[in-house]
Amino acid sequence: MLDQETQQALFDLRCHWQDAYYITYSGGAWNASPFIDRDAVLTAGSPAELRTRMQNDYAARAMASGATAARWAGYSST
């Protein structure tokens, strides 16, 4: 059973990133896999570190695709 703080951090990450990443916590490791590339796994030691890794990964994928981050996520940038 996860403690209250860990549950809240997991809930917060999922609320903000659930459309782009599958997020888990197990044995002290925070993990996220982009839905478009489930073989890729981002791992971190804290929820803040995972959030930063997801932000960087999200931006890098958007740049690699030649789209703005908003368009890459399926939102209109207009």
C-alpha atoms as a PDB file:
ATOM      1  CA  MET A   1       0.000   0.000   0.000  1.00  0.00           C
ATOM      2  CA  LEU A   2       1.308   3.419  -0.956  1.00  0.00           C
ATOM      3  CA  ASP A   3       1.487   6.163   1.653  1.00  0.00           C
ATOM      4  CA  GLN A   4      -0.696   9.268   1.278  1.00  0.00           C
ATOM      5  CA  GLU A   5       2.100  11.475  -0.098  1.00  0.00           C
ATOM      6  CA  THR A   6       3.069   8.938  -2.777  1.00  0.00           C
ATOM      7  CA  GLN A   7      -0.564   8.396  -3.741  1.00  0.00           C
ATOM      8  CA  GLN A   8      -1.079  12.138  -4.101  1.00  0.00           C
ATOM      9  CA  ALA A   9       2.074  12.582  -6.193  1.00  0.00           C
ATOM     10  CA  LEU A  10       1.040   9.711  -8.481  1.00  0.00           C
ATOM     11  CA  PHE A  11      -2.462  11.167  -8.808  1.00  0.00           C
ATOM     12  CA  ASP A  12      -1.067  14.622  -9.661  1.00  0.00           C
ATOM     13  CA  LEU A  13       1.305  13.276 -12.326  1.00  0.00           C
ATOM     14  CA  ARG A  14      -1.431  11.182 -13.897  1.00  0.00           C
ATOM     15  CA  CYS A  15      -3.875  14.112 -13.935  1.00  0.00           C
ATOM     16  CA  HIS A  16      -1.421  16.247 -15.888  1.00  0.00           C
ATOM     17  CA  TRP A  17       0.204  13.617 -18.109  1.00  0.00           C
ATOM     18  CA  GLN A  18      -2.313  10.780 -18.538  1.00  0.00           C
ATOM     19  CA  ASP A  19      -2.995  11.633 -22.190  1.00  0.00           C
ATOM     20  CA  ALA A  20       0.653  11.236 -23.172  1.00  0.00           C
ATOM     21  CA  TYR A  21       2.296   8.840 -20.669  1.00  0.00           C
ATOM     22  CA  TYR A  22       1.569   5.668 -18.729  1.00  0.00           C
ATOM     23  CA  ILE A  23       2.861   6.474 -15.214  1.00  0.00           C
ATOM     24  CA  THR A  24       3.679   4.002 -12.449  1.00  0.00           C
ATOM     25  CA  TYR A  25       5.420   3.850  -9.091  1.00  0.00           C
ATOM     26  CA  SER A  26       6.948   0.657  -7.727  1.00  0.00           C
ATOM     27  CA  GLY A  27       9.669  -0.083  -5.222  1.00  0.00           C
ATOM     28  CA  GLY A  28      10.862   3.504  -4.992  1.00  0.00           C
ATOM     29  CA  ALA A  29      11.081   3.996  -8.769  1.00  0.00           C
ATOM     30  CA  TRP A  30       8.890   6.421 -10.682  1.00  0.00           C
ATOM     31  CA  ASN A  31       8.364   5.349 -14.306  1.00  0.00           C
ATOM     32  CA  ALA A  32       6.643   6.746 -17.374  1.00  0.00           C
ATOM     33  CA  SER A  33       6.249   5.352 -20.873  1.00  0.00           C
ATOM     34  CA  PRO A  34       5.031   7.502 -23.750  1.00  0.00           C
ATOM     35  CA  PHE A  35       1.894   6.035 -25.288  1.00  0.00           C
ATOM     36  CA  ILE A  36       3.382   6.460 -28.763  1.00  0.00           C
ATOM     37  CA  ASP A  37       6.531   4.513 -27.816  1.00  0.00           C
ATOM     38  CA  ARG A  38       5.786   1.998 -25.068  1.00  0.00           C
ATOM     39  CA  ASP A  39       9.303   0.534 -25.384  1.00  0.00           C
ATOM     40  CA  ALA A  40      10.746   3.783 -24.037  1.00  0.00           C
ATOM     41  CA  VAL A  41      10.768   4.049 -20.245  1.00  0.00           C
ATOM     42  CA  LEU A  42      11.664   7.150 -18.286  1.00  0.00           C
ATOM     43  CA  THR A  43      12.795   6.344 -14.740  1.00  0.00           C
ATOM     44  CA  ALA A  44      13.299   8.704 -11.817  1.00  0.00           C
ATOM     45  CA  GLY A  45      13.834   8.676  -8.081  1.00  0.00           C
ATOM     46  CA  SER A  46      11.167  11.264  -7.295  1.00  0.00           C
ATOM     47  CA  PRO A  47       7.936  12.593  -8.773  1.00  0.00           C
ATOM     48  CA  ALA A  48       9.555  15.980  -9.464  1.00  0.00           C
ATOM     49  CA  GLU A  49      12.412  14.320 -11.345  1.00  0.00           C
ATOM     50  CA  LEU A  50       9.939  12.238 -13.379  1.00  0.00           C
ATOM     51  CA  ARG A  51       7.920  15.335 -14.249  1.00  0.00           C
ATOM     52  CA  THR A  52      11.085  17.022 -15.530  1.00  0.00           C
ATOM     53  CA  ARG A  53      12.022  13.941 -17.556  1.00  0.00           C
ATOM     54  CA  MET A  54       8.544  13.809 -19.110  1.00  0.00           C
ATOM     55  CA  GLN A  55       8.645  17.528 -19.939  1.00  0.00           C
ATOM     56  CA  ASN A  56      12.019  17.128 -21.632  1.00  0.00           C
ATOM     57  CA  ASP A  57      10.979  13.948 -23.458  1.00  0.00           C
ATOM     58  CA  TYR A  58       7.722  15.523 -24.596  1.00  0.00           C
ATOM     59  CA  ALA A  59       9.505  18.586 -25.959  1.00  0.00           C
ATOM     60  CA  ALA A  60      12.199  16.502 -27.679  1.00  0.00           C
ATOM     61  CA  ARG A  61       9.586  14.327 -29.388  1.00  0.00           C
ATOM     62  CA  ALA A  62       7.688  17.410 -30.543  1.00  0.00           C
ATOM     63  CA  MET A  63      10.851  18.965 -31.964  1.00  0.00           C
ATOM     64  CA  ALA A  64      11.854  15.709 -33.682  1.00  0.00           C
ATOM     65  CA  SER A  65       8.457  15.503 -35.346  1.00  0.00           C
ATOM     66  CA  GLY A  66       8.731  19.092 -36.568  1.00  0.00           C
ATOM     67  CA  ALA A  67       5.599  20.106 -34.683  1.00  0.00           C
ATOM     68  CA  THR A  68       4.958  22.373 -31.782  1.00  0.00           C
ATOM     69  CA  ALA A  69       4.431  20.516 -28.522  1.00  0.00           C
ATOM     70  CA  ALA A  70       0.751  21.485 -28.595  1.00  0.00           C
ATOM     71  CA  ARG A  71       0.244  20.077 -32.091  1.00  0.00           C
ATOM     72  CA  TRP A  72       2.205  16.939 -31.256  1.00  0.00           C
ATOM     73  CA  ALA A  73      -0.207  16.339 -28.396  1.00  0.00           C
ATOM     74  CA  GLY A  74      -3.132  16.702 -30.744  1.00  0.00           C
ATOM     75  CA  TYR A  75      -4.189  20.181 -29.746  1.00  0.00           C
ATOM     76  CA  SER A  76      -4.635  23.071 -32.120  1.00  0.00           C
ATOM     77  CA  SER A  77      -2.105  25.849 -31.709  1.00  0.00           C
ATOM     78  CA  THR A  78      -4.427  28.443 -33.205  1.00  0.00           C
END
